[in-house]
Amino acid sequence: MSGPRLELIAPRDVPILVFRRAFQAPPALVFKAWTEPEHLWHWRAPHGFELVACEVDLRVGGGYRFVHRAPDGSQHAFTGHYREINRPSRLVS
């Protein structure tokens, strides 16, 4: 099964990664899928990994923390902070 095409933009001059995808869904629903733990639990881990922690403080200056468990049992944590929130069209972290 294939999903929406992922466009990854990585400018050479600045420490930024832009992930861009187009979904056939209302923007408010896509925003919820990216920001609400009850939705993130369903898709946030890479294929073959399990999401074992999912924390979201959705406010400018707030943060997120995701922990993935790999098939070999190792765990990998990802954290960051929200820099811009413009519901439902823009989320910068």
C-alpha atoms as a PDB file:
ATOM      1  CA  MET A   1       0.000   0.000   0.000  1.00  0.00           C
ATOM      2  CA  SER A   2       1.411   3.390  -0.880  1.00  0.00           C
ATOM      3  CA  GLY A   3       0.566   6.652   0.820  1.00  0.00           C
ATOM      4  CA  PRO A   4       0.849  10.258  -0.204  1.00  0.00           C
ATOM      5  CA  ARG A   5       4.093  11.192  -1.942  1.00  0.00           C
ATOM      6  CA  LEU A   6       6.618  12.714   0.472  1.00  0.00           C
ATOM      7  CA  GLU A   7       8.569  15.756  -0.660  1.00  0.00           C
ATOM      8  CA  LEU A   8      11.615  16.444   1.518  1.00  0.00           C
ATOM      9  CA  ILE A   9      13.296  19.835   1.244  1.00  0.00           C
ATOM     10  CA  ALA A  10      16.704  20.288   2.925  1.00  0.00           C
ATOM     11  CA  PRO A  11      18.258  23.681   2.143  1.00  0.00           C
ATOM     12  CA  ARG A  12      22.054  23.667   2.288  1.00  0.00           C
ATOM     13  CA  ASP A  13      22.405  27.000   4.096  1.00  0.00           C
ATOM     14  CA  VAL A  14      20.053  26.543   7.067  1.00  0.00           C
ATOM     15  CA  PRO A  15      19.368  23.765   9.605  1.00  0.00           C
ATOM     16  CA  ILE A  16      15.843  23.073   8.345  1.00  0.00           C
ATOM     17  CA  LEU A  17      14.012  20.036   7.000  1.00  0.00           C
ATOM     18  CA  VAL A  18      10.653  20.579   5.340  1.00  0.00           C
ATOM     19  CA  PHE A  19       8.368  17.570   4.947  1.00  0.00           C
ATOM     20  CA  ARG A  20       5.529  18.144   2.514  1.00  0.00           C
ATOM     21  CA  ARG A  21       2.712  15.739   1.679  1.00  0.00           C
ATOM     22  CA  ALA A  22      -0.705  16.164   0.117  1.00  0.00           C
ATOM     23  CA  PHE A  23      -3.622  14.264   1.615  1.00  0.00           C
ATOM     24  CA  GLN A  24      -7.169  13.913   0.392  1.00  0.00           C
ATOM     25  CA  ALA A  25      -8.579  14.849   3.782  1.00  0.00           C
ATOM     26  CA  PRO A  26      -9.831  18.003   5.477  1.00  0.00           C
ATOM     27  CA  PRO A  27      -6.921  20.109   6.803  1.00  0.00           C
ATOM     28  CA  ALA A  28      -8.340  20.010  10.343  1.00  0.00           C
ATOM     29  CA  LEU A  29      -8.230  16.200  10.357  1.00  0.00           C
ATOM     30  CA  VAL A  30      -4.651  16.083   9.059  1.00  0.00           C
ATOM     31  CA  PHE A  31      -3.628  18.623  11.719  1.00  0.00           C
ATOM     32  CA  LYS A  32      -5.198  16.465  14.429  1.00  0.00           C
ATOM     33  CA  ALA A  33      -3.383  13.391  13.100  1.00  0.00           C
ATOM     34  CA  TRP A  34      -0.053  15.251  13.513  1.00  0.00           C
ATOM     35  CA  THR A  35      -0.777  16.777  16.920  1.00  0.00           C
ATOM     36  CA  GLU A  36      -3.106  14.603  19.013  1.00  0.00           C
ATOM     37  CA  PRO A  37      -1.680  11.540  20.794  1.00  0.00           C
ATOM     38  CA  GLU A  38      -4.831   9.483  20.211  1.00  0.00           C
ATOM     39  CA  HIS A  39      -4.100   9.740  16.475  1.00  0.00           C
ATOM     40  CA  LEU A  40      -0.302   9.692  16.656  1.00  0.00           C
ATOM     41  CA  TRP A  41      -0.349   6.258  18.352  1.00  0.00           C
ATOM     42  CA  HIS A  42      -1.721   4.799  15.100  1.00  0.00           C
ATOM     43  CA  TRP A  43       0.966   5.936  12.688  1.00  0.00           C
ATOM     44  CA  ARG A  44       3.960   7.712  14.275  1.00  0.00           C
ATOM     45  CA  ALA A  45       6.338   4.729  14.448  1.00  0.00           C
ATOM     46  CA  PRO A  46       8.273   3.556  11.377  1.00  0.00           C
ATOM     47  CA  HIS A  47       7.295   0.230   9.826  1.00  0.00           C
ATOM     48  CA  GLY A  48       8.330  -2.619  12.136  1.00  0.00           C
ATOM     49  CA  PHE A  49       8.740  -0.349  15.164  1.00  0.00           C
ATOM     50  CA  GLU A  50       6.360   0.220  18.068  1.00  0.00           C
ATOM     51  CA  LEU A  51       5.518   3.602  19.560  1.00  0.00           C
ATOM     52  CA  VAL A  52       5.975   3.237  23.335  1.00  0.00           C
ATOM     53  CA  ALA A  53       5.773   6.883  24.459  1.00  0.00           C
ATOM     54  CA  CYS A  54       3.870   9.785  22.929  1.00  0.00           C
ATOM     55  CA  GLU A  55       3.785  13.162  24.672  1.00  0.00           C
ATOM     56  CA  VAL A  56       2.525  16.399  23.113  1.00  0.00           C
ATOM     57  CA  ASP A  57       2.343  19.881  24.655  1.00  0.00           C
ATOM     58  CA  LEU A  58       0.800  21.693  21.688  1.00  0.00           C
ATOM     59  CA  ARG A  59       1.593  25.349  22.246  1.00  0.00           C
ATOM     60  CA  VAL A  60       4.328  27.638  20.977  1.00  0.00           C
ATOM     61  CA  GLY A  61       7.285  26.787  23.203  1.00  0.00           C
ATOM     62  CA  GLY A  62       5.705  23.477  24.172  1.00  0.00           C
ATOM     63  CA  GLY A  63       7.251  20.245  23.067  1.00  0.00           C
ATOM     64  CA  TYR A  64       6.829  16.671  21.977  1.00  0.00           C
ATOM     65  CA  ARG A  65       8.512  13.383  22.820  1.00  0.00           C
ATOM     66  CA  PHE A  66       8.159  10.120  20.940  1.00  0.00           C
ATOM     67  CA  VAL A  67       9.912   6.879  21.818  1.00  0.00           C
ATOM     68  CA  HIS A  68      10.081   4.036  19.300  1.00  0.00           C
ATOM     69  CA  ARG A  69      10.973   0.446  20.136  1.00  0.00           C
ATOM     70  CA  ALA A  70      12.862  -1.343  17.384  1.00  0.00           C
ATOM     71  CA  PRO A  71      12.376  -5.035  16.586  1.00  0.00           C
ATOM     72  CA  ASP A  72      15.639  -5.769  18.457  1.00  0.00           C
ATOM     73  CA  GLY A  73      14.221  -4.113  21.605  1.00  0.00           C
ATOM     74  CA  SER A  74      16.338  -0.959  21.434  1.00  0.00           C
ATOM     75  CA  GLN A  75      14.522   2.310  22.052  1.00  0.00           C
ATOM     76  CA  HIS A  76      14.939   5.574  20.180  1.00  0.00           C
ATOM     77  CA  ALA A  77      13.615   8.882  21.548  1.00  0.00           C
ATOM     78  CA  PHE A  78      12.768  11.945  19.462  1.00  0.00           C
ATOM     79  CA  THR A  79      12.063  15.303  21.065  1.00  0.00           C
ATOM     80  CA  GLY A  80      11.453  18.826  19.872  1.00  0.00           C
ATOM     81  CA  HIS A  81       9.645  22.078  20.503  1.00  0.00           C
ATOM     82  CA  TYR A  82       6.811  23.784  18.683  1.00  0.00           C
ATOM     83  CA  ARG A  83       7.896  27.098  17.198  1.00  0.00           C
ATOM     84  CA  GLU A  84       4.794  28.032  15.196  1.00  0.00           C
ATOM     85  CA  ILE A  85       1.227  26.741  15.266  1.00  0.00           C
ATOM     86  CA  ASN A  86      -1.306  27.977  12.735  1.00  0.00           C
ATOM     87  CA  ARG A  87      -4.292  25.633  12.845  1.00  0.00           C
ATOM     88  CA  PRO A  88      -4.947  23.797  10.601  1.00  0.00           C
ATOM     89  CA  SER A  89      -2.419  24.696   7.941  1.00  0.00           C
ATOM     90  CA  ARG A  90       1.036  25.073   9.483  1.00  0.00           C
ATOM     91  CA  LEU A  91       3.039  23.388  12.225  1.00  0.00           C
ATOM     92  CA  VAL A  92       6.703  24.305  12.746  1.00  0.00           C
ATOM     93  CA  SER A  93       8.822  22.404  15.241  1.00  0.00           C
END
